[in-house]
Amino acid sequence: MTIGLTPSDFIWQGFMQGKKDGCKEWPIEGESLFSYREKPLPYMPFCYKHPQYWHVIEQETKRMGDMINSRKLFDDSEAVHPILEEKKSRLKRFMENYW
């Protein structure tokens, strides 16, 4: 068996996990999922806000059978926010220029 992994073209908005208003996960406004040297990296925002964000995950988890295969949140966010060059990860830009 061969398993291949590829880097993402961009970084997602930050999110928290825990318990908030009956939700187990929610996006953090104005936060990147990653930072570099204590500075947030440009990120792709989610198109859903709290609590709709969690409700979409719940509905898709039921529809697809598990949370890992629930892509609606990501697909919808990419459709609403086109991927601009500055949102692409540094690794992706490096690979495009030097690979």
Protein backbone atom coordinates (compact mmCIF):
# COMPACT_ATOMS: atom_id res chain seq x y z
CA MET A 1 0.00 0.00 0.00
CA THR A 2 1.20 3.52 -0.81
CA ILE A 3 0.00 6.59 1.03
CA GLY A 4 0.82 10.01 -0.40
CA LEU A 5 0.46 13.31 1.38
CA THR A 6 0.61 16.74 -0.18
CA PRO A 7 0.88 20.14 1.48
CA SER A 8 -2.16 22.37 1.42
CA ASP A 9 -2.23 25.43 -0.85
CA PHE A 10 -3.28 27.61 2.05
CA ILE A 11 -3.77 27.85 5.80
CA TRP A 12 -7.22 27.78 7.38
CA GLN A 13 -8.72 30.19 9.87
CA GLY A 14 -8.07 29.26 13.48
CA PHE A 15 -10.66 27.37 15.51
CA MET A 16 -11.22 26.20 19.06
CA GLN A 17 -12.50 22.91 20.42
CA GLY A 18 -14.37 22.45 23.66
CA LYS A 19 -17.90 23.38 24.67
CA LYS A 20 -19.52 26.65 23.67
CA ASP A 21 -23.26 27.18 23.21
CA GLY A 22 -23.76 23.45 22.63
CA CYS A 23 -21.00 23.31 20.00
CA LYS A 24 -17.80 21.26 20.17
CA GLU A 25 -15.84 23.43 17.72
CA TRP A 26 -16.05 27.03 16.49
CA PRO A 27 -13.97 29.41 14.33
CA ILE A 28 -11.95 32.18 15.94
CA GLU A 29 -12.51 35.54 14.27
CA GLY A 30 -9.31 37.17 13.01
CA GLU A 31 -7.08 34.19 13.89
CA SER A 32 -4.87 32.13 11.62
CA LEU A 33 -4.43 28.42 12.35
CA PHE A 34 -0.64 28.91 12.20
CA SER A 35 1.89 31.59 12.95
CA TYR A 36 5.56 32.01 12.12
CA ARG A 37 7.89 33.80 14.52
CA GLU A 38 4.86 34.85 16.55
CA LYS A 39 3.17 36.50 13.54
CA PRO A 40 -0.07 35.04 12.16
CA LEU A 41 0.21 33.70 8.62
CA PRO A 42 -2.35 34.72 5.96
CA TYR A 43 -5.33 32.38 6.11
CA MET A 44 -8.48 31.24 4.36
CA PRO A 45 -11.51 32.25 6.43
CA PHE A 46 -14.39 29.86 6.95
CA CYS A 47 -17.63 30.98 5.33
CA TYR A 48 -19.67 29.85 8.34
CA LYS A 49 -19.66 31.64 11.69
CA HIS A 50 -20.48 30.32 15.15
CA PRO A 51 -22.79 28.41 15.72
CA GLN A 52 -23.65 27.59 12.08
CA TYR A 53 -20.06 26.36 11.60
CA TRP A 54 -20.63 23.51 14.06
CA HIS A 55 -24.13 22.72 12.76
CA VAL A 56 -22.71 22.22 9.24
CA ILE A 57 -20.07 19.84 10.64
CA GLU A 58 -22.74 17.90 12.57
CA GLN A 59 -25.05 17.58 9.56
CA GLU A 60 -22.24 16.51 7.24
CA THR A 61 -20.90 14.02 9.78
CA LYS A 62 -24.33 12.35 9.89
CA ARG A 63 -24.65 12.42 6.10
CA MET A 64 -21.14 11.09 5.35
CA GLY A 65 -20.88 8.69 8.28
CA ASP A 66 -17.89 10.29 9.98
CA MET A 67 -16.34 13.67 10.65
CA ILE A 68 -13.15 13.04 8.64
CA ASN A 69 -15.05 12.76 5.35
CA SER A 70 -17.10 15.90 5.97
CA ARG A 71 -15.84 18.31 3.31
CA LYS A 72 -18.79 20.71 2.96
CA LEU A 73 -17.35 23.30 5.36
CA PHE A 74 -14.10 23.41 3.39
CA ASP A 75 -15.63 23.23 -0.10
CA ASP A 76 -18.14 25.98 0.69
CA SER A 77 -15.45 28.21 2.20
CA GLU A 78 -13.21 27.80 -0.86
CA ALA A 79 -16.15 28.67 -3.13
CA VAL A 80 -16.92 31.86 -1.17
CA HIS A 81 -13.28 32.94 -0.79
CA PRO A 82 -11.23 32.31 -3.95
CA ILE A 83 -7.64 31.33 -3.18
CA LEU A 84 -5.47 34.40 -3.74
CA GLU A 85 -1.72 34.19 -4.17
CA GLU A 86 -0.99 35.75 -0.76
CA LYS A 87 -3.06 33.05 0.93
CA LYS A 88 -1.03 30.22 -0.56
CA SER A 89 1.46 28.59 1.78
CA ARG A 90 5.15 29.38 1.49
CA LEU A 91 5.89 25.74 0.71
CA LYS A 92 3.39 25.71 -2.15
CA ARG A 93 4.93 28.91 -3.63
CA PHE A 94 8.40 27.40 -3.24
CA MET A 95 7.35 24.22 -5.05
CA GLU A 96 5.68 26.18 -7.86
CA ASN A 97 8.84 28.26 -8.42
CA TYR A 98 11.57 25.69 -7.92
CA TRP A 99 10.18 22.20 -8.49
